[in-house]
Structure formats: C-alpha cells, structure tokens
Amino acid sequence: MSTSIERRDGRMAVAGALLAGAGVVSAAIAAVLMFAVDDADAARGFAFVGMAGVVGAVIAAVRSTTTERKAVFAAGGVLLLIASSTMFGLSFS
C-alpha cells in the first residue's frame, strides 16, 4: 500500500511542478505584455495566473520526496510570488 501512496504523491508533485511552470511562463508573458506591448489589462490577467502558479509550487514542495527538491520548489514559489504580484501591481499604475 505504501507504493501506491508514493506514486500518488509523485503524481501530485509532478502536477504541482507543471502548474508552477505554467505560472512562470504566465509571469514572463505578463512582463512582455506590460513593457513591450503596453497592454496592462492582458498583463494583469497573466500576472494573476502566475500567482496561481504559486499554489502549484507549494504543492510540489510539499509532495516532493527529497529536501533538495522541496527547497527548490519553495524558493521558486517565493520568487514566482514576488514576480507575479509585482507585475499585477504595476498593471494598475
């Protein structure tokens, strides 16, 4: 039974990592839309999706099996939160 739990936790970690990766891509798109295209409304939407990617990073950090992966996902989640929330805030000004 422990192997099925380990596989489920592994799948949750992979799903969280994919969601976090989508958040990173979304935050990068928000930066391009904000500064290169000058479309604040679209940038705000992508930045919000980037903030949702933080949830994925947290899931991946909690479900990861090694402490190194936990540290990477936790640090990545913090950096993603900073980048996405900054872009979200800048889209209002």
N, C-alpha and C. Protein backbone atom coordinates (compact mmCIF):
# COMPACT_ATOMS: atom_id res chain seq x y z
N MET A 1 0.81 -1.19 0.00
CA MET A 1 0.00 0.00 0.00
C MET A 1 0.86 1.26 0.00
N SER A 2 2.03 1.19 0.59
CA SER A 2 2.87 2.39 0.63
C SER A 2 3.36 2.78 -0.76
N THR A 3 3.49 1.81 -1.67
CA THR A 3 3.93 2.17 -3.02
C THR A 3 2.87 2.94 -3.76
N SER A 4 1.60 2.63 -3.52
CA SER A 4 0.54 3.40 -4.19
C SER A 4 0.48 4.82 -3.64
N ILE A 5 0.75 4.97 -2.36
CA ILE A 5 0.78 6.31 -1.76
C ILE A 5 1.96 7.10 -2.32
N GLU A 6 3.10 6.43 -2.45
CA GLU A 6 4.28 7.09 -3.01
C GLU A 6 4.04 7.51 -4.46
N ARG A 7 3.37 6.65 -5.22
CA ARG A 7 3.08 7.01 -6.62
C ARG A 7 2.11 8.19 -6.68
N ARG A 8 1.10 8.19 -5.82
CA ARG A 8 0.15 9.30 -5.80
C ARG A 8 0.85 10.60 -5.42
N ASP A 9 1.71 10.54 -4.41
CA ASP A 9 2.46 11.73 -4.02
C ASP A 9 3.38 12.20 -5.15
N GLY A 10 3.97 11.25 -5.87
CA GLY A 10 4.80 11.61 -7.02
C GLY A 10 4.01 12.28 -8.11
N ARG A 11 2.80 11.78 -8.38
CA ARG A 11 1.95 12.41 -9.39
C ARG A 11 1.52 13.80 -8.95
N MET A 12 1.23 13.98 -7.67
CA MET A 12 0.87 15.31 -7.17
C MET A 12 2.05 16.27 -7.28
N ALA A 13 3.25 15.79 -7.02
CA ALA A 13 4.44 16.64 -7.14
C ALA A 13 4.66 17.05 -8.59
N VAL A 14 4.45 16.12 -9.51
CA VAL A 14 4.60 16.45 -10.94
C VAL A 14 3.53 17.44 -11.37
N ALA A 15 2.30 17.24 -10.92
CA ALA A 15 1.23 18.18 -11.26
C ALA A 15 1.52 19.57 -10.70
N GLY A 16 2.00 19.62 -9.48
CA GLY A 16 2.37 20.91 -8.89
C GLY A 16 3.50 21.59 -9.63
N ALA A 17 4.47 20.79 -10.06
CA ALA A 17 5.59 21.36 -10.82
C ALA A 17 5.12 21.90 -12.17
N LEU A 18 4.20 21.19 -12.81
CA LEU A 18 3.65 21.69 -14.08
C LEU A 18 2.88 22.98 -13.89
N LEU A 19 2.09 23.06 -12.82
CA LEU A 19 1.34 24.28 -12.54
C LEU A 19 2.29 25.43 -12.22
N ALA A 20 3.35 25.14 -11.49
CA ALA A 20 4.34 26.18 -11.19
C ALA A 20 5.05 26.64 -12.46
N GLY A 21 5.37 25.70 -13.34
CA GLY A 21 5.99 26.06 -14.62
C GLY A 21 5.08 26.93 -15.46
N ALA A 22 3.79 26.61 -15.47
CA ALA A 22 2.83 27.44 -16.20
C ALA A 22 2.75 28.83 -15.58
N GLY A 23 2.89 28.92 -14.27
CA GLY A 23 2.90 30.22 -13.61
C GLY A 23 4.10 31.05 -14.00
N VAL A 24 5.25 30.42 -14.13
CA VAL A 24 6.46 31.13 -14.54
C VAL A 24 6.31 31.67 -15.96
N VAL A 25 5.80 30.83 -16.85
CA VAL A 25 5.58 31.26 -18.23
C VAL A 25 4.57 32.41 -18.27
N SER A 26 3.52 32.29 -17.47
CA SER A 26 2.50 33.33 -17.44
C SER A 26 3.06 34.65 -16.92
N ALA A 27 3.90 34.59 -15.89
CA ALA A 27 4.50 35.82 -15.37
C ALA A 27 5.43 36.46 -16.41
N ALA A 28 6.14 35.64 -17.16
CA ALA A 28 7.00 36.18 -18.22
C ALA A 28 6.18 36.83 -19.32
N ILE A 29 5.08 36.20 -19.69
CA ILE A 29 4.19 36.80 -20.70
C ILE A 29 3.63 38.12 -20.19
N ALA A 30 3.30 38.16 -18.90
CA ALA A 30 2.78 39.41 -18.32
C ALA A 30 3.81 40.52 -18.42
N ALA A 31 5.07 40.20 -18.18
CA ALA A 31 6.12 41.22 -18.28
C ALA A 31 6.25 41.74 -19.70
N VAL A 32 6.20 40.84 -20.67
CA VAL A 32 6.29 41.26 -22.07
C VAL A 32 5.09 42.12 -22.45
N LEU A 33 3.91 41.70 -22.04
CA LEU A 33 2.72 42.48 -22.37
C LEU A 33 2.74 43.85 -21.70
N MET A 34 3.28 43.90 -20.50
CA MET A 34 3.28 45.17 -19.77
C MET A 34 4.29 46.16 -20.35
N PHE A 35 5.48 45.69 -20.66
CA PHE A 35 6.53 46.62 -21.05
C PHE A 35 6.74 46.74 -22.55
N ALA A 36 6.53 45.68 -23.29
CA ALA A 36 6.79 45.72 -24.74
C ALA A 36 5.54 46.10 -25.52
N VAL A 37 4.40 45.55 -25.13
CA VAL A 37 3.17 45.78 -25.89
C VAL A 37 2.33 46.90 -25.29
N ASP A 38 2.55 47.19 -24.00
CA ASP A 38 1.81 48.23 -23.28
C ASP A 38 0.32 47.90 -23.18
N ASP A 39 0.01 46.65 -22.84
CA ASP A 39 -1.37 46.19 -22.65
C ASP A 39 -1.53 45.76 -21.19
N ALA A 40 -1.90 46.72 -20.35
CA ALA A 40 -1.94 46.47 -18.91
C ALA A 40 -3.05 45.49 -18.53
N ASP A 41 -4.18 45.51 -19.21
CA ASP A 41 -5.27 44.61 -18.85
C ASP A 41 -4.90 43.15 -19.10
N ALA A 42 -4.30 42.87 -20.22
CA ALA A 42 -3.87 41.50 -20.51
C ALA A 42 -2.75 41.08 -19.57
N ALA A 43 -1.84 42.00 -19.28
CA ALA A 43 -0.75 41.70 -18.35
C ALA A 43 -1.29 41.37 -16.98
N ARG A 44 -2.32 42.06 -16.54
CA ARG A 44 -2.93 41.80 -15.24
C ARG A 44 -3.48 40.39 -15.18
N GLY A 45 -4.12 39.95 -16.24
CA GLY A 45 -4.67 38.59 -16.28
C GLY A 45 -3.59 37.53 -16.22
N PHE A 46 -2.53 37.72 -16.99
CA PHE A 46 -1.44 36.75 -16.98
C PHE A 46 -0.70 36.77 -15.64
N ALA A 47 -0.58 37.94 -15.02
CA ALA A 47 0.07 38.00 -13.71
C ALA A 47 -0.76 37.29 -12.66
N PHE A 48 -2.07 37.38 -12.76
CA PHE A 48 -2.94 36.67 -11.82
C PHE A 48 -2.79 35.16 -11.97
N VAL A 49 -2.71 34.69 -13.21
CA VAL A 49 -2.47 33.26 -13.44
C VAL A 49 -1.10 32.87 -12.90
N GLY A 50 -0.14 33.76 -13.02
CA GLY A 50 1.19 33.50 -12.45
C GLY A 50 1.13 33.33 -10.94
N MET A 51 0.29 34.12 -10.28
CA MET A 51 0.13 33.97 -8.84
C MET A 51 -0.53 32.64 -8.49
N ALA A 52 -1.38 32.14 -9.36
CA ALA A 52 -1.97 30.81 -9.14
C ALA A 52 -0.90 29.73 -9.26
N GLY A 53 0.14 29.98 -10.01
CA GLY A 53 1.24 29.04 -10.13
C GLY A 53 1.99 28.85 -8.82
N VAL A 54 1.86 29.81 -7.91
CA VAL A 54 2.49 29.68 -6.59
C VAL A 54 1.87 28.50 -5.85
N VAL A 55 0.58 28.29 -6.03
CA VAL A 55 -0.09 27.15 -5.41
C VAL A 55 0.55 25.84 -5.90
N GLY A 56 0.83 25.78 -7.19
CA GLY A 56 1.50 24.61 -7.74
C GLY A 56 2.88 24.39 -7.15
N ALA A 57 3.60 25.47 -6.94
CA ALA A 57 4.93 25.35 -6.35
C ALA A 57 4.85 24.85 -4.91
N VAL A 58 3.84 25.29 -4.19
CA VAL A 58 3.66 24.82 -2.82
C VAL A 58 3.30 23.34 -2.81
N ILE A 59 2.40 22.94 -3.71
CA ILE A 59 2.03 21.52 -3.80
C ILE A 59 3.25 20.68 -4.13
N ALA A 60 4.04 21.13 -5.08
CA ALA A 60 5.24 20.39 -5.46
C ALA A 60 6.24 20.33 -4.31
N ALA A 61 6.36 21.41 -3.55
CA ALA A 61 7.29 21.41 -2.42
C ALA A 61 6.84 20.45 -1.34
N VAL A 62 5.55 20.43 -1.07
CA VAL A 62 5.04 19.56 0.00
C VAL A 62 5.15 18.09 -0.40
N ARG A 63 4.87 17.78 -1.65
CA ARG A 63 4.82 16.39 -2.09
C ARG A 63 6.14 15.84 -2.60
N SER A 64 7.17 16.66 -2.69
CA SER A 64 8.46 16.18 -3.17
C SER A 64 9.09 15.24 -2.15
N THR A 65 9.90 14.34 -2.66
CA THR A 65 10.46 13.32 -1.78
C THR A 65 11.79 13.73 -1.16
N THR A 66 12.55 14.58 -1.81
CA THR A 66 13.86 14.95 -1.26
C THR A 66 13.84 16.39 -0.76
N THR A 67 14.70 16.66 0.19
CA THR A 67 14.75 18.01 0.75
C THR A 67 15.29 19.01 -0.27
N GLU A 68 16.12 18.55 -1.20
CA GLU A 68 16.63 19.46 -2.22
C GLU A 68 15.51 19.94 -3.13
N ARG A 69 14.64 19.01 -3.53
CA ARG A 69 13.50 19.41 -4.36
C ARG A 69 12.55 20.29 -3.60
N LYS A 70 12.33 19.99 -2.33
CA LYS A 70 11.46 20.85 -1.52
C LYS A 70 12.00 22.27 -1.47
N ALA A 71 13.32 22.40 -1.29
CA ALA A 71 13.94 23.72 -1.22
C ALA A 71 13.83 24.46 -2.55
N VAL A 72 14.04 23.75 -3.64
CA VAL A 72 13.96 24.38 -4.96
C VAL A 72 12.54 24.88 -5.23
N PHE A 73 11.55 24.05 -4.97
CA PHE A 73 10.17 24.47 -5.24
C PHE A 73 9.72 25.57 -4.28
N ALA A 74 10.16 25.52 -3.04
CA ALA A 74 9.80 26.58 -2.09
C ALA A 74 10.42 27.91 -2.50
N ALA A 75 11.70 27.89 -2.85
CA ALA A 75 12.36 29.13 -3.29
C ALA A 75 11.75 29.63 -4.60
N GLY A 76 11.48 28.72 -5.51
CA GLY A 76 10.84 29.11 -6.77
C GLY A 76 9.46 29.70 -6.56
N GLY A 77 8.72 29.14 -5.62
CA GLY A 77 7.39 29.67 -5.31
C GLY A 77 7.44 31.09 -4.77
N VAL A 78 8.43 31.34 -3.91
CA VAL A 78 8.58 32.69 -3.36
C VAL A 78 8.96 33.68 -4.46
N LEU A 79 9.90 33.29 -5.31
CA LEU A 79 10.30 34.18 -6.41
C LEU A 79 9.15 34.41 -7.39
N LEU A 80 8.38 33.35 -7.65
CA LEU A 80 7.22 33.49 -8.54
C LEU A 80 6.18 34.41 -7.94
N LEU A 81 5.96 34.31 -6.64
CA LEU A 81 5.01 35.20 -5.99
C LEU A 81 5.46 36.65 -6.07
N ILE A 82 6.73 36.88 -5.87
CA ILE A 82 7.26 38.24 -5.95
C ILE A 82 7.11 38.80 -7.36
N ALA A 83 7.48 38.00 -8.36
CA ALA A 83 7.41 38.47 -9.75
C ALA A 83 5.97 38.70 -10.19
N SER A 84 5.10 37.77 -9.90
CA SER A 84 3.71 37.88 -10.35
C SER A 84 2.97 39.01 -9.64
N SER A 85 3.18 39.12 -8.34
CA SER A 85 2.47 40.18 -7.63
C SER A 85 3.00 41.56 -8.01
N THR A 86 4.28 41.65 -8.33
CA THR A 86 4.84 42.91 -8.80
C THR A 86 4.22 43.30 -10.14
N MET A 87 4.15 42.34 -11.06
CA MET A 87 3.53 42.63 -12.37
C MET A 87 2.05 42.97 -12.21
N PHE A 88 1.37 42.28 -11.30
CA PHE A 88 -0.04 42.57 -11.06
C PHE A 88 -0.22 43.99 -10.53
N GLY A 89 0.63 44.38 -9.58
CA GLY A 89 0.56 45.73 -9.03
C GLY A 89 0.93 46.80 -10.06
N LEU A 90 1.94 46.53 -10.86
CA LEU A 90 2.34 47.51 -11.88
C LEU A 90 1.28 47.70 -12.94
N SER A 91 0.44 46.70 -13.16
CA SER A 91 -0.58 46.82 -14.22
C SER A 91 -1.66 47.83 -13.84
N PHE A 92 -1.74 48.22 -12.58
CA PHE A 92 -2.73 49.20 -12.15
C PHE A 92 -2.23 50.63 -12.28
N SER A 93 -0.92 50.80 -12.39
CA SER A 93 -0.38 52.17 -12.42
C SER A 93 -0.16 52.68 -13.82
